[in-house]
Amino acid sequence: MAEWTDDLTVPLPPGCTPADVVDLLVQVAGRPSAGDEAVRVLGVRYAIASDDAEFLYDRFCGGLVRAATGNPLNCPPADKDPVAWESFQRGITDPYLVGRGHPGLAPG
């Protein structure tokens, strides 16, 4: 049986930070094939395995969904979910980023 934890981190290669990951994902957000492109870009730029890249894209989107609420209490923990934390920070300060990642959550 798999052990579940609340740790949503992915080991990143040397020289790559959660902010770097989010920078790349912001560039592909809103494109029709954003998920596939995220996997490709993270693999090419940082040699991140496709399953880890998919998970990082999911966490990026998760941070934006939480930011869409506008509630700072929905902020993911930086130590347990660093990519979601970073995307939350950006989404809370730039609501249009939330709409690029999730068009249905775009500000009115």
PDB file of N, CA and C in Angstrom:
ATOM      1  N   MET A   1       0.852  -1.182   0.000  1.00  0.00           N
ATOM      2  CA  MET A   1       0.000   0.000   0.000  1.00  0.00           C
ATOM      3  C   MET A   1       0.897   1.244   0.000  1.00  0.00           C
ATOM      4  N   ALA A   2       0.551   2.223  -0.832  1.00  0.00           N
ATOM      5  CA  ALA A   2       1.330   3.456  -0.926  1.00  0.00           C
ATOM      6  C   ALA A   2       1.156   4.283   0.338  1.00  0.00           C
ATOM      7  N   GLU A   3       2.227   4.946   0.707  1.00  0.00           N
ATOM      8  CA  GLU A   3       2.174   5.838   1.865  1.00  0.00           C
ATOM      9  C   GLU A   3       1.894   7.251   1.368  1.00  0.00           C
ATOM     10  N   TRP A   4       0.874   7.887   1.912  1.00  0.00           N
ATOM     11  CA  TRP A   4       0.499   9.237   1.519  1.00  0.00           C
ATOM     12  C   TRP A   4       1.119  10.232   2.480  1.00  0.00           C
ATOM     13  N   THR A   5       1.635  11.300   1.924  1.00  0.00           N
ATOM     14  CA  THR A   5       2.191  12.376   2.753  1.00  0.00           C
ATOM     15  C   THR A   5       1.640  13.701   2.245  1.00  0.00           C
ATOM     16  N   ASP A   6       1.928  14.750   2.987  1.00  0.00           N
ATOM     17  CA  ASP A   6       1.518  16.081   2.545  1.00  0.00           C
ATOM     18  C   ASP A   6       2.667  16.805   1.849  1.00  0.00           C
ATOM     19  N   ASP A   7       3.748  16.104   1.558  1.00  0.00           N
ATOM     20  CA  ASP A   7       4.900  16.690   0.893  1.00  0.00           C
ATOM     21  C   ASP A   7       4.695  16.605  -0.617  1.00  0.00           C
ATOM     22  N   LEU A   8       4.546  17.747  -1.257  1.00  0.00           N
ATOM     23  CA  LEU A   8       4.291  17.798  -2.693  1.00  0.00           C
ATOM     24  C   LEU A   8       5.486  18.365  -3.449  1.00  0.00           C
ATOM     25  N   THR A   9       6.666  18.128  -2.924  1.00  0.00           N
ATOM     26  CA  THR A   9       7.872  18.611  -3.577  1.00  0.00           C
ATOM     27  C   THR A   9       8.364  17.599  -4.602  1.00  0.00           C
ATOM     28  N   VAL A  10       9.101  18.104  -5.562  1.00  0.00           N
ATOM     29  CA  VAL A  10       9.790  17.286  -6.560  1.00  0.00           C
ATOM     30  C   VAL A  10      11.245  17.721  -6.501  1.00  0.00           C
ATOM     31  N   PRO A  11      12.165  16.772  -6.359  1.00  0.00           N
ATOM     32  CA  PRO A  11      13.576  17.174  -6.357  1.00  0.00           C
ATOM     33  C   PRO A  11      13.923  17.843  -7.692  1.00  0.00           C
ATOM     34  N   LEU A  12      14.439  19.041  -7.621  1.00  0.00           N
ATOM     35  CA  LEU A  12      14.822  19.780  -8.817  1.00  0.00           C
ATOM     36  C   LEU A  12      16.324  19.668  -9.029  1.00  0.00           C
ATOM     37  N   PRO A  13      16.746  19.718 -10.282  1.00  0.00           N
ATOM     38  CA  PRO A  13      18.174  19.616 -10.554  1.00  0.00           C
ATOM     39  C   PRO A  13      18.927  20.845 -10.034  1.00  0.00           C
ATOM     40  N   PRO A  14      20.224  20.718  -9.837  1.00  0.00           N
ATOM     41  CA  PRO A  14      21.010  21.866  -9.389  1.00  0.00           C
ATOM     42  C   PRO A  14      20.807  23.064 -10.326  1.00  0.00           C
ATOM     43  N   GLY A  15      20.679  24.214  -9.732  1.00  0.00           N
ATOM     44  CA  GLY A  15      20.506  25.430 -10.510  1.00  0.00           C
ATOM     45  C   GLY A  15      19.075  25.720 -10.910  1.00  0.00           C
ATOM     46  N   CYS A  16      18.150  24.876 -10.513  1.00  0.00           N
ATOM     47  CA  CYS A  16      16.733  25.058 -10.835  1.00  0.00           C
ATOM     48  C   CYS A  16      15.960  25.266  -9.540  1.00  0.00           C
ATOM     49  N   THR A  17      15.188  26.335  -9.488  1.00  0.00           N
ATOM     50  CA  THR A  17      14.389  26.647  -8.301  1.00  0.00           C
ATOM     51  C   THR A  17      12.902  26.559  -8.650  1.00  0.00           C
ATOM     52  N   PRO A  18      12.046  26.521  -7.645  1.00  0.00           N
ATOM     53  CA  PRO A  18      10.606  26.577  -7.939  1.00  0.00           C
ATOM     54  C   PRO A  18      10.238  27.820  -8.752  1.00  0.00           C
ATOM     55  N   ALA A  19      10.902  28.936  -8.503  1.00  0.00           N
ATOM     56  CA  ALA A  19      10.631  30.153  -9.278  1.00  0.00           C
ATOM     57  C   ALA A  19      10.996  29.950 -10.746  1.00  0.00           C
ATOM     58  N   ASP A  20      12.081  29.233 -11.021  1.00  0.00           N
ATOM     59  CA  ASP A  20      12.470  28.940 -12.403  1.00  0.00           C
ATOM     60  C   ASP A  20      11.404  28.094 -13.089  1.00  0.00           C
ATOM     61  N   VAL A  21      10.904  27.092 -12.374  1.00  0.00           N
ATOM     62  CA  VAL A  21       9.853  26.222 -12.918  1.00  0.00           C
ATOM     63  C   VAL A  21       8.618  27.059 -13.252  1.00  0.00           C
ATOM     64  N   VAL A  22       8.208  27.899 -12.323  1.00  0.00           N
ATOM     65  CA  VAL A  22       7.018  28.725 -12.544  1.00  0.00           C
ATOM     66  C   VAL A  22       7.251  29.702 -13.693  1.00  0.00           C
ATOM     67  N   ASP A  23       8.451  30.263 -13.805  1.00  0.00           N
ATOM     68  CA  ASP A  23       8.751  31.150 -14.935  1.00  0.00           C
ATOM     69  C   ASP A  23       8.453  30.458 -16.265  1.00  0.00           C
ATOM     70  N   LEU A  24       8.922  29.220 -16.397  1.00  0.00           N
ATOM     71  CA  LEU A  24       8.682  28.481 -17.634  1.00  0.00           C
ATOM     72  C   LEU A  24       7.201  28.158 -17.824  1.00  0.00           C
ATOM     73  N   LEU A  25       6.545  27.782 -16.760  1.00  0.00           N
ATOM     74  CA  LEU A  25       5.139  27.400 -16.863  1.00  0.00           C
ATOM     75  C   LEU A  25       4.244  28.596 -17.156  1.00  0.00           C
ATOM     76  N   VAL A  26       4.611  29.761 -16.677  1.00  0.00           N
ATOM     77  CA  VAL A  26       3.862  30.977 -17.005  1.00  0.00           C
ATOM     78  C   VAL A  26       3.898  31.212 -18.512  1.00  0.00           C
ATOM     79  N   GLN A  27       5.020  30.900 -19.132  1.00  0.00           N
ATOM     80  CA  GLN A  27       5.167  31.109 -20.575  1.00  0.00           C
ATOM     81  C   GLN A  27       4.229  30.217 -21.391  1.00  0.00           C
ATOM     82  N   VAL A  28       3.932  29.024 -20.903  1.00  0.00           N
ATOM     83  CA  VAL A  28       3.073  28.111 -21.662  1.00  0.00           C
ATOM     84  C   VAL A  28       1.613  28.154 -21.205  1.00  0.00           C
ATOM     85  N   ALA A  29       1.347  28.776 -20.083  1.00  0.00           N
ATOM     86  CA  ALA A  29      -0.023  28.829 -19.551  1.00  0.00           C
ATOM     87  C   ALA A  29      -0.970  29.454 -20.567  1.00  0.00           C
ATOM     88  N   GLY A  30      -2.116  28.849 -20.703  1.00  0.00           N
ATOM     89  CA  GLY A  30      -3.139  29.376 -21.586  1.00  0.00           C
ATOM     90  C   GLY A  30      -3.076  28.847 -23.006  1.00  0.00           C
ATOM     91  N   ARG A  31      -2.012  28.164 -23.352  1.00  0.00           N
ATOM     92  CA  ARG A  31      -1.924  27.583 -24.690  1.00  0.00           C
ATOM     93  C   ARG A  31      -2.779  26.320 -24.735  1.00  0.00           C
ATOM     94  N   PRO A  32      -3.294  25.975 -25.905  1.00  0.00           N
ATOM     95  CA  PRO A  32      -4.174  24.802 -26.004  1.00  0.00           C
ATOM     96  C   PRO A  32      -3.537  23.509 -25.489  1.00  0.00           C
ATOM     97  N   SER A  33      -2.261  23.327 -25.700  1.00  0.00           N
ATOM     98  CA  SER A  33      -1.589  22.105 -25.241  1.00  0.00           C
ATOM     99  C   SER A  33      -0.612  22.416 -24.120  1.00  0.00           C
ATOM    100  N   ALA A  34      -1.023  23.270 -23.192  1.00  0.00           N
ATOM    101  CA  ALA A  34      -0.126  23.741 -22.130  1.00  0.00           C
ATOM    102  C   ALA A  34       0.482  22.598 -21.317  1.00  0.00           C
ATOM    103  N   GLY A  35      -0.313  21.600 -20.973  1.00  0.00           N
ATOM    104  CA  GLY A  35       0.208  20.488 -20.178  1.00  0.00           C
ATOM    105  C   GLY A  35       1.310  19.735 -20.895  1.00  0.00           C
ATOM    106  N   ASP A  36       1.076  19.413 -22.163  1.00  0.00           N
ATOM    107  CA  ASP A  36       2.095  18.707 -22.946  1.00  0.00           C
ATOM    108  C   ASP A  36       3.319  19.578 -23.159  1.00  0.00           C
ATOM    109  N   GLU A  37       3.085  20.853 -23.422  1.00  0.00           N
ATOM    110  CA  GLU A  37       4.210  21.758 -23.638  1.00  0.00           C
ATOM    111  C   GLU A  37       5.013  21.946 -22.352  1.00  0.00           C
ATOM    112  N   ALA A  38       4.338  21.980 -21.208  1.00  0.00           N
ATOM    113  CA  ALA A  38       5.033  22.106 -19.927  1.00  0.00           C
ATOM    114  C   ALA A  38       5.987  20.928 -19.726  1.00  0.00           C
ATOM    115  N   VAL A  39       5.505  19.739 -20.020  1.00  0.00           N
ATOM    116  CA  VAL A  39       6.337  18.539 -19.875  1.00  0.00           C
ATOM    117  C   VAL A  39       7.550  18.634 -20.802  1.00  0.00           C
ATOM    118  N   ARG A  40       7.312  19.046 -22.033  1.00  0.00           N
ATOM    119  CA  ARG A  40       8.411  19.149 -22.996  1.00  0.00           C
ATOM    120  C   ARG A  40       9.428  20.199 -22.569  1.00  0.00           C
ATOM    121  N   VAL A  41       8.953  21.385 -22.205  1.00  0.00           N
ATOM    122  CA  VAL A  41       9.846  22.491 -21.854  1.00  0.00           C
ATOM    123  C   VAL A  41      10.654  22.168 -20.600  1.00  0.00           C
ATOM    124  N   LEU A  42      10.021  21.611 -19.591  1.00  0.00           N
ATOM    125  CA  LEU A  42      10.754  21.263 -18.364  1.00  0.00           C
ATOM    126  C   LEU A  42      11.766  20.159 -18.630  1.00  0.00           C
ATOM    127  N   GLY A  43      11.431  19.244 -19.521  1.00  0.00           N
ATOM    128  CA  GLY A  43      12.373  18.186 -19.877  1.00  0.00           C
ATOM    129  C   GLY A  43      13.572  18.717 -20.629  1.00  0.00           C
ATOM    130  N   VAL A  44      13.324  19.598 -21.586  1.00  0.00           N
ATOM    131  CA  VAL A  44      14.417  20.154 -22.391  1.00  0.00           C
ATOM    132  C   VAL A  44      15.295  21.076 -21.551  1.00  0.00           C
ATOM    133  N   ARG A  45      14.686  21.985 -20.814  1.00  0.00           N
ATOM    134  CA  ARG A  45      15.455  23.010 -20.082  1.00  0.00           C
ATOM    135  C   ARG A  45      16.153  22.450 -18.847  1.00  0.00           C
ATOM    136  N   TYR A  46      15.469  21.581 -18.098  1.00  0.00           N
ATOM    137  CA  TYR A  46      16.010  21.126 -16.808  1.00  0.00           C
ATOM    138  C   TYR A  46      16.154  19.616 -16.696  1.00  0.00           C
ATOM    139  N   ALA A  47      15.911  18.880 -17.763  1.00  0.00           N
ATOM    140  CA  ALA A  47      16.015  17.413 -17.755  1.00  0.00           C
ATOM    141  C   ALA A  47      15.149  16.786 -16.669  1.00  0.00           C
ATOM    142  N   ILE A  48      13.965  17.355 -16.478  1.00  0.00           N
ATOM    143  CA  ILE A  48      13.011  16.823 -15.502  1.00  0.00           C
ATOM    144  C   ILE A  48      12.212  15.725 -16.187  1.00  0.00           C
ATOM    145  N   ALA A  49      12.104  14.578 -15.533  1.00  0.00           N
ATOM    146  CA  ALA A  49      11.360  13.439 -16.080  1.00  0.00           C
ATOM    147  C   ALA A  49       9.908  13.828 -16.331  1.00  0.00           C
ATOM    148  N   SER A  50       9.303  13.208 -17.319  1.00  0.00           N
ATOM    149  CA  SER A  50       7.949  13.596 -17.721  1.00  0.00           C
ATOM    150  C   SER A  50       6.924  13.451 -16.599  1.00  0.00           C
ATOM    151  N   ASP A  51       7.012  12.399 -15.796  1.00  0.00           N
ATOM    152  CA  ASP A  51       6.032  12.260 -14.711  1.00  0.00           C
ATOM    153  C   ASP A  51       6.207  13.359 -13.667  1.00  0.00           C
ATOM    154  N   ASP A  52       7.451  13.731 -13.387  1.00  0.00           N
ATOM    155  CA  ASP A  52       7.694  14.840 -12.450  1.00  0.00           C
ATOM    156  C   ASP A  52       7.242  16.164 -13.060  1.00  0.00           C
ATOM    157  N   ALA A  53       7.473  16.342 -14.356  1.00  0.00           N
ATOM    158  CA  ALA A  53       7.055  17.579 -15.024  1.00  0.00           C
ATOM    159  C   ALA A  53       5.534  17.701 -15.015  1.00  0.00           C
ATOM    160  N   GLU A  54       4.832  16.610 -15.238  1.00  0.00           N
ATOM    161  CA  GLU A  54       3.367  16.636 -15.169  1.00  0.00           C
ATOM    162  C   GLU A  54       2.904  17.033 -13.773  1.00  0.00           C
ATOM    163  N   PHE A  55       3.567  16.481 -12.770  1.00  0.00           N
ATOM    164  CA  PHE A  55       3.207  16.800 -11.390  1.00  0.00           C
ATOM    165  C   PHE A  55       3.489  18.272 -11.092  1.00  0.00           C
ATOM    166  N   LEU A  56       4.619  18.788 -11.567  1.00  0.00           N
ATOM    167  CA  LEU A  56       4.946  20.200 -11.347  1.00  0.00           C
ATOM    168  C   LEU A  56       3.919  21.104 -12.026  1.00  0.00           C
ATOM    169  N   TYR A  57       3.478  20.728 -13.216  1.00  0.00           N
ATOM    170  CA  TYR A  57       2.451  21.511 -13.897  1.00  0.00           C
ATOM    171  C   TYR A  57       1.148  21.486 -13.092  1.00  0.00           C
ATOM    172  N   ASP A  58       0.815  20.346 -12.555  1.00  0.00           N
ATOM    173  CA  ASP A  58      -0.383  20.224 -11.707  1.00  0.00           C
ATOM    174  C   ASP A  58      -0.283  21.136 -10.490  1.00  0.00           C
ATOM    175  N   ARG A  59       0.879  21.167  -9.861  1.00  0.00           N
ATOM    176  CA  ARG A  59       1.062  22.004  -8.678  1.00  0.00           C
ATOM    177  C   ARG A  59       1.015  23.483  -9.040  1.00  0.00           C
ATOM    178  N   PHE A  60       1.566  23.836 -10.214  1.00  0.00           N
ATOM    179  CA  PHE A  60       1.487  25.208 -10.731  1.00  0.00           C
ATOM    180  C   PHE A  60       0.019  25.616 -10.862  1.00  0.00           C
ATOM    181  N   CYS A  61      -0.772  24.772 -11.504  1.00  0.00           N
ATOM    182  CA  CYS A  61      -2.192  25.051 -11.678  1.00  0.00           C
ATOM    183  C   CYS A  61      -2.918  25.109 -10.329  1.00  0.00           C
ATOM    184  N   GLY A  62      -2.539  24.225  -9.411  1.00  0.00           N
ATOM    185  CA  GLY A  62      -3.144  24.228  -8.087  1.00  0.00           C
ATOM    186  C   GLY A  62      -2.929  25.537  -7.354  1.00  0.00           C
ATOM    187  N   GLY A  63      -1.742  26.084  -7.464  1.00  0.00           N
ATOM    188  CA  GLY A  63      -1.461  27.380  -6.826  1.00  0.00           C
ATOM    189  C   GLY A  63      -2.313  28.485  -7.423  1.00  0.00           C
ATOM    190  N   LEU A  64      -2.517  28.441  -8.747  1.00  0.00           N
ATOM    191  CA  LEU A  64      -3.345  29.463  -9.389  1.00  0.00           C
ATOM    192  C   LEU A  64      -4.808  29.348  -8.981  1.00  0.00           C
ATOM    193  N   VAL A  65      -5.302  28.120  -8.865  1.00  0.00           N
ATOM    194  CA  VAL A  65      -6.689  27.932  -8.421  1.00  0.00           C
ATOM    195  C   VAL A  65      -6.867  28.499  -7.016  1.00  0.00           C
ATOM    196  N   ARG A  66      -5.913  28.240  -6.150  1.00  0.00           N
ATOM    197  CA  ARG A  66      -5.998  28.787  -4.792  1.00  0.00           C
ATOM    198  C   ARG A  66      -5.920  30.309  -4.815  1.00  0.00           C
ATOM    199  N   ALA A  67      -5.066  30.862  -5.691  1.00  0.00           N
ATOM    200  CA  ALA A  67      -4.944  32.321  -5.792  1.00  0.00           C
ATOM    201  C   ALA A  67      -6.243  32.948  -6.274  1.00  0.00           C
ATOM    202  N   ALA A  68      -6.985  32.227  -7.108  1.00  0.00           N
ATOM    203  CA  ALA A  68      -8.245  32.749  -7.644  1.00  0.00           C
ATOM    204  C   ALA A  68      -9.242  33.077  -6.534  1.00  0.00           C
ATOM    205  N   THR A  69      -9.110  32.442  -5.386  1.00  0.00           N
ATOM    206  CA  THR A  69     -10.018  32.733  -4.281  1.00  0.00           C
ATOM    207  C   THR A  69      -9.749  34.102  -3.676  1.00  0.00           C
ATOM    208  N   GLY A  70      -8.523  34.616  -3.868  1.00  0.00           N
ATOM    209  CA  GLY A  70      -8.153  35.893  -3.269  1.00  0.00           C
ATOM    210  C   GLY A  70      -7.922  35.820  -1.776  1.00  0.00           C
ATOM    211  N   ASN A  71      -7.976  34.629  -1.228  1.00  0.00           N
ATOM    212  CA  ASN A  71      -7.840  34.444   0.220  1.00  0.00           C
ATOM    213  C   ASN A  71      -6.414  34.020   0.561  1.00  0.00           C
ATOM    214  N   PRO A  72      -5.664  34.855   1.280  1.00  0.00           N
ATOM    215  CA  PRO A  72      -4.288  34.504   1.638  1.00  0.00           C
ATOM    216  C   PRO A  72      -4.190  33.235   2.489  1.00  0.00           C
ATOM    217  N   LEU A  73      -5.271  32.865   3.151  1.00  0.00           N
ATOM    218  CA  LEU A  73      -5.251  31.643   3.958  1.00  0.00           C
ATOM    219  C   LEU A  73      -5.205  30.385   3.090  1.00  0.00           C
ATOM    220  N   ASN A  74      -5.489  30.519   1.800  1.00  0.00           N
ATOM    221  CA  ASN A  74      -5.416  29.382   0.881  1.00  0.00           C
ATOM    222  C   ASN A  74      -4.010  29.168   0.322  1.00  0.00           C
ATOM    223  N   CYS A  75      -3.061  29.948   0.777  1.00  0.00           N
ATOM    224  CA  CYS A  75      -1.688  29.837   0.280  1.00  0.00           C
ATOM    225  C   CYS A  75      -1.093  28.483   0.673  1.00  0.00           C
ATOM    226  N   PRO A  76      -0.573  27.741  -0.307  1.00  0.00           N
ATOM    227  CA  PRO A  76       0.077  26.465   0.015  1.00  0.00           C
ATOM    228  C   PRO A  76       1.352  26.708   0.824  1.00  0.00           C
ATOM    229  N   PRO A  77       1.767  25.742   1.619  1.00  0.00           N
ATOM    230  CA  PRO A  77       3.003  25.918   2.394  1.00  0.00           C
ATOM    231  C   PRO A  77       4.226  25.872   1.473  1.00  0.00           C
ATOM    232  N   ALA A  78       5.107  26.828   1.635  1.00  0.00           N
ATOM    233  CA  ALA A  78       6.299  26.931   0.787  1.00  0.00           C
ATOM    234  C   ALA A  78       7.210  25.721   0.932  1.00  0.00           C
ATOM    235  N   ASP A  79       7.265  25.142   2.113  1.00  0.00           N
ATOM    236  CA  ASP A  79       8.183  24.019   2.327  1.00  0.00           C
ATOM    237  C   ASP A  79       7.618  22.683   1.842  1.00  0.00           C
ATOM    238  N   LYS A  80       6.305  22.555   1.743  1.00  0.00           N
ATOM    239  CA  LYS A  80       5.673  21.293   1.350  1.00  0.00           C
ATOM    240  C   LYS A  80       5.164  21.293  -0.086  1.00  0.00           C
ATOM    241  N   ASP A  81       4.967  22.471  -0.661  1.00  0.00           N
ATOM    242  CA  ASP A  81       4.398  22.594  -2.005  1.00  0.00           C
ATOM    243  C   ASP A  81       4.964  23.855  -2.669  1.00  0.00           C
ATOM    244  N   PRO A  82       6.284  23.866  -2.894  1.00  0.00           N
ATOM    245  CA  PRO A  82       6.945  25.104  -3.322  1.00  0.00           C
ATOM    246  C   PRO A  82       6.508  25.650  -4.675  1.00  0.00           C
ATOM    247  N   VAL A  83       6.187  24.811  -5.628  1.00  0.00           N
ATOM    248  CA  VAL A  83       5.753  25.316  -6.931  1.00  0.00           C
ATOM    249  C   VAL A  83       4.359  25.925  -6.811  1.00  0.00           C
ATOM    250  N   ALA A  84       3.464  25.276  -6.088  1.00  0.00           N
ATOM    251  CA  ALA A  84       2.136  25.854  -5.864  1.00  0.00           C
ATOM    252  C   ALA A  84       2.244  27.149  -5.073  1.00  0.00           C
ATOM    253  N   TRP A  85       3.148  27.188  -4.098  1.00  0.00           N
ATOM    254  CA  TRP A  85       3.353  28.422  -3.320  1.00  0.00           C
ATOM    255  C   TRP A  85       3.778  29.553  -4.250  1.00  0.00           C
ATOM    256  N   GLU A  86       4.741  29.279  -5.116  1.00  0.00           N
ATOM    257  CA  GLU A  86       5.249  30.308  -6.036  1.00  0.00           C
ATOM    258  C   GLU A  86       4.161  30.766  -6.999  1.00  0.00           C
ATOM    259  N   SER A  87       3.403  29.836  -7.573  1.00  0.00           N
ATOM    260  CA  SER A  87       2.357  30.252  -8.507  1.00  0.00           C
ATOM    261  C   SER A  87       1.229  30.989  -7.772  1.00  0.00           C
ATOM    262  N   PHE A  88       0.957  30.603  -6.535  1.00  0.00           N
ATOM    263  CA  PHE A  88      -0.035  31.328  -5.727  1.00  0.00           C
ATOM    264  C   PHE A  88       0.407  32.778  -5.544  1.00  0.00           C
ATOM    265  N   GLN A  89       1.674  32.978  -5.187  1.00  0.00           N
ATOM    266  CA  GLN A  89       2.186  34.333  -4.973  1.00  0.00           C
ATOM    267  C   GLN A  89       2.013  35.189  -6.223  1.00  0.00           C
ATOM    268  N   ARG A  90       2.313  34.605  -7.352  1.00  0.00           N
ATOM    269  CA  ARG A  90       2.192  35.355  -8.608  1.00  0.00           C
ATOM    270  C   ARG A  90       0.735  35.581  -8.981  1.00  0.00           C
ATOM    271  N   GLY A  91      -0.098  34.582  -8.758  1.00  0.00           N
ATOM    272  CA  GLY A  91      -1.512  34.713  -9.086  1.00  0.00           C
ATOM    273  C   GLY A  91      -2.238  35.700  -8.203  1.00  0.00           C
ATOM    274  N   ILE A  92      -1.830  35.797  -6.960  1.00  0.00           N
ATOM    275  CA  ILE A  92      -2.485  36.716  -6.028  1.00  0.00           C
ATOM    276  C   ILE A  92      -2.157  38.157  -6.413  1.00  0.00           C
ATOM    277  N   THR A  93      -0.957  38.385  -6.963  1.00  0.00           N
ATOM    278  CA  THR A  93      -0.572  39.737  -7.357  1.00  0.00           C
ATOM    279  C   THR A  93      -0.949  40.063  -8.798  1.00  0.00           C
ATOM    280  N   ASP A  94      -1.211  39.027  -9.614  1.00  0.00           N
ATOM    281  CA  ASP A  94      -1.576  39.227 -11.019  1.00  0.00           C
ATOM    282  C   ASP A  94      -2.754  38.315 -11.365  1.00  0.00           C
ATOM    283  N   PRO A  95      -3.980  38.774 -11.107  1.00  0.00           N
ATOM    284  CA  PRO A  95      -5.149  37.939 -11.368  1.00  0.00           C
ATOM    285  C   PRO A  95      -5.276  37.503 -12.824  1.00  0.00           C
ATOM    286  N   TYR A  96      -4.672  38.238 -13.744  1.00  0.00           N
ATOM    287  CA  TYR A  96      -4.744  37.841 -15.157  1.00  0.00           C
ATOM    288  C   TYR A  96      -3.936  36.579 -15.420  1.00  0.00           C
ATOM    289  N   LEU A  97      -2.929  36.314 -14.611  1.00  0.00           N
ATOM    290  CA  LEU A  97      -2.183  35.068 -14.715  1.00  0.00           C
ATOM    291  C   LEU A  97      -3.102  33.893 -14.382  1.00  0.00           C
ATOM    292  N   VAL A  98      -3.947  34.069 -13.394  1.00  0.00           N
ATOM    293  CA  VAL A  98      -4.902  33.023 -13.030  1.00  0.00           C
ATOM    294  C   VAL A  98      -5.774  32.703 -14.239  1.00  0.00           C
ATOM    295  N   GLY A  99      -6.233  33.717 -14.933  1.00  0.00           N
ATOM    296  CA  GLY A  99      -7.073  33.511 -16.103  1.00  0.00           C
ATOM    297  C   GLY A  99      -6.348  32.849 -17.251  1.00  0.00           C
ATOM    298  N   ARG A 100      -5.041  33.080 -17.369  1.00  0.00           N
ATOM    299  CA  ARG A 100      -4.273  32.409 -18.425  1.00  0.00           C
ATOM    300  C   ARG A 100      -4.158  30.928 -18.117  1.00  0.00           C
ATOM    301  N   GLY A 101      -3.942  30.600 -16.853  1.00  0.00           N
ATOM    302  CA  GLY A 101      -3.823  29.196 -16.469  1.00  0.00           C
ATOM    303  C   GLY A 101      -5.158  28.481 -16.418  1.00  0.00           C
ATOM    304  N   HIS A 102      -6.198  29.229 -16.083  1.00  0.00           N
ATOM    305  CA  HIS A 102      -7.551  28.679 -15.951  1.00  0.00           C
ATOM    306  C   HIS A 102      -8.530  29.719 -16.477  1.00  0.00           C
ATOM    307  N   PRO A 103      -8.824  29.719 -17.776  1.00  0.00           N
ATOM    308  CA  PRO A 103      -9.687  30.749 -18.351  1.00  0.00           C
ATOM    309  C   PRO A 103     -11.020  30.931 -17.626  1.00  0.00           C
ATOM    310  N   GLY A 104     -11.573  29.902 -17.061  1.00  0.00           N
ATOM    311  CA  GLY A 104     -12.832  30.021 -16.348  1.00  0.00           C
ATOM    312  C   GLY A 104     -12.732  30.818 -15.058  1.00  0.00           C
ATOM    313  N   LEU A 105     -11.506  31.049 -14.598  1.00  0.00           N
ATOM    314  CA  LEU A 105     -11.291  31.800 -13.361  1.00  0.00           C
ATOM    315  C   LEU A 105     -10.779  33.208 -13.627  1.00  0.00           C
ATOM    316  N   ALA A 106     -10.805  33.631 -14.876  1.00  0.00           N
ATOM    317  CA  ALA A 106     -10.309  34.961 -15.238  1.00  0.00           C
ATOM    318  C   ALA A 106     -11.144  36.023 -14.536  1.00  0.00           C
ATOM    319  N   PRO A 107     -10.488  37.120 -14.122  1.00  0.00           N
ATOM    320  CA  PRO A 107     -11.237  38.194 -13.476  1.00  0.00           C
ATOM    321  C   PRO A 107     -12.243  38.810 -14.441  1.00  0.00           C
ATOM    322  N   GLY A 108     -13.370  39.250 -13.864  1.00  0.00           N
ATOM    323  CA  GLY A 108     -14.457  39.817 -14.664  1.00  0.00           C
ATOM    324  C   GLY A 108     -14.073  41.076 -15.288  1.00  0.00           C
TER     325      GLY A 108
END
